[in-house]
């Protein structure tokens, strides 16, 4: 299928009525479906940095932005990582130490996230 034909087919689907949803609601649904599609097909994009160490600079970039699904995907793609790892960085940055599982309290990666978050003035 040519790109032009593909675009027309996607537009046709976008123009389909959806159980009483207005335009804005439909756009939000399309956006959510697109995000879900990207998550479900993570194995098809470059995740070559998955499992490698994070730099403080990378963590600062992530933690300087809002913890949203869009940002999780944006940084997963940018840093060639998994969506879940970005989500976990946000989660660990705001989790109180006493709420962490005992086995995680001495984890060097979590300590790095906490240190960077503190440098940025985030509470956790």
Protein backbone atom coordinates (compact mmCIF):
# COMPACT_ATOMS: atom_id res chain seq x y z
CA UNK A 1 0.00 0.00 0.00
CA UNK A 2 1.30 3.44 -0.89
CA UNK A 3 1.65 6.11 1.82
CA UNK A 4 -1.08 8.20 0.21
CA UNK A 5 -3.49 5.25 0.21
CA UNK A 6 -2.56 4.40 3.78
CA UNK A 7 -3.23 7.98 4.90
CA UNK A 8 -6.63 7.97 3.18
CA UNK A 9 -7.53 4.68 4.87
CA UNK A 10 -6.52 6.00 8.29
CA UNK A 11 -8.55 9.19 7.71
CA UNK A 12 -11.55 7.06 6.71
CA UNK A 13 -11.29 5.21 10.01
CA UNK A 14 -10.85 8.49 11.92
CA UNK A 15 -14.00 9.87 10.29
CA UNK A 16 -16.09 6.89 11.43
CA UNK A 17 -18.73 7.74 14.05
CA UNK A 18 -17.98 6.35 17.52
CA UNK A 19 -20.92 5.83 19.91
CA UNK A 20 -21.82 9.45 20.53
CA UNK A 21 -18.29 10.79 20.93
CA UNK A 22 -17.69 14.39 19.94
CA UNK A 23 -14.67 15.44 17.92
CA UNK A 24 -12.42 16.20 20.92
CA UNK A 25 -13.35 12.92 22.62
CA UNK A 26 -12.65 11.01 19.42
CA UNK A 27 -9.24 12.71 19.06
CA UNK A 28 -8.42 11.68 22.64
CA UNK A 29 -9.49 8.10 21.88
CA UNK A 30 -7.38 8.04 18.70
CA UNK A 31 -4.41 9.36 20.65
CA UNK A 32 -4.84 6.70 23.35
CA UNK A 33 -5.16 3.95 20.75
CA UNK A 34 -1.99 5.20 19.02
CA UNK A 35 -0.11 5.16 22.32
CA UNK A 36 -1.40 1.64 23.07
CA UNK A 37 -0.32 0.55 19.59
CA UNK A 38 3.20 1.82 20.21
CA UNK A 39 3.36 0.02 23.56
CA UNK A 40 1.99 -3.21 22.10
CA UNK A 41 4.57 -3.11 19.28
CA UNK A 42 7.58 -2.13 21.38
CA UNK A 43 9.47 -5.15 20.08
CA UNK A 44 9.39 -3.61 16.59
CA UNK A 45 11.25 -0.42 17.48
CA UNK A 46 14.85 0.15 18.53
CA UNK A 47 15.28 -0.68 22.22
CA UNK A 48 19.00 -1.31 21.93
CA UNK A 49 19.78 0.58 25.16
CA UNK A 50 17.39 -1.56 27.22
CA UNK A 51 19.16 -2.92 30.29
CA UNK A 52 22.11 -0.53 30.05
CA UNK A 53 23.05 2.01 32.71
CA UNK A 54 21.35 5.38 32.78
CA UNK A 55 23.29 8.62 32.99
CA UNK A 56 22.35 11.36 35.43
CA UNK A 57 21.73 13.64 32.45
CA UNK A 58 19.19 11.24 30.95
CA UNK A 59 17.39 10.95 34.27
CA UNK A 60 17.36 14.74 34.66
CA UNK A 61 15.77 15.13 31.23
CA UNK A 62 13.07 12.60 32.08
CA UNK A 63 12.37 13.87 35.58
CA UNK A 64 12.23 17.49 34.41
CA UNK A 65 9.12 16.62 32.43
CA UNK A 66 5.65 15.63 33.63
CA UNK A 67 5.03 11.93 34.33
CA UNK A 68 2.54 11.31 31.53
CA UNK A 69 2.01 8.38 29.19
CA UNK A 70 3.02 10.60 26.27
CA UNK A 71 6.29 11.52 27.95
CA UNK A 72 6.99 7.89 28.87
CA UNK A 73 6.70 6.96 25.20
CA UNK A 74 8.64 10.01 24.02
CA UNK A 75 11.60 9.18 26.28
CA UNK A 76 11.40 5.45 25.60
CA UNK A 77 11.84 6.22 21.89
CA UNK A 78 14.46 8.93 22.46
CA UNK A 79 16.63 6.83 24.76
CA UNK A 80 15.92 3.50 22.98
CA UNK A 81 14.44 1.94 26.11
CA UNK A 82 11.25 0.23 27.13
CA UNK A 83 8.14 2.24 27.97
CA UNK A 84 7.91 0.53 31.36
CA UNK A 85 11.40 1.59 32.39
CA UNK A 86 10.53 5.27 31.93
CA UNK A 87 7.28 4.75 33.82
CA UNK A 88 9.25 3.10 36.63
CA UNK A 89 11.72 6.02 36.82
CA UNK A 90 8.82 8.38 37.43
CA UNK A 91 7.33 6.01 40.01
CA UNK A 92 10.56 5.46 41.95
CA UNK A 93 11.38 9.17 41.93
CA UNK A 94 8.27 9.93 43.97
CA UNK A 95 8.02 6.80 46.12
CA UNK A 96 8.92 7.39 49.75
CA UNK A 97 11.89 5.32 50.93
CA UNK A 98 9.81 3.58 53.57
CA UNK A 99 7.28 2.56 50.89
CA UNK A 100 9.93 0.80 48.79
CA UNK A 101 10.16 -2.97 49.16
CA UNK A 102 13.01 -3.89 51.51
CA UNK A 103 14.99 -5.55 48.71
CA UNK A 104 14.83 -2.33 46.63
CA UNK A 105 15.99 0.15 49.28
CA UNK A 106 19.67 -0.48 48.56
CA UNK A 107 19.31 -0.74 44.79
CA UNK A 108 21.93 1.54 43.16
CA UNK A 109 19.62 2.54 40.30
CA UNK A 110 16.85 3.59 42.65
CA UNK A 111 19.37 5.53 44.72
CA UNK A 112 20.57 7.26 41.54
CA UNK A 113 16.99 8.19 40.60
CA UNK A 114 16.32 9.50 44.12
CA UNK A 115 19.55 11.55 44.10
CA UNK A 116 18.78 13.11 40.71
CA UNK A 117 15.18 13.79 41.74
CA UNK A 118 16.42 15.52 44.89
CA UNK A 119 18.86 17.62 42.83
CA UNK A 120 15.88 18.73 40.72
CA UNK A 121 13.89 19.56 43.85
CA UNK A 122 11.35 16.76 43.46
CA UNK A 123 9.86 15.27 46.58
CA UNK A 124 9.86 11.56 47.15
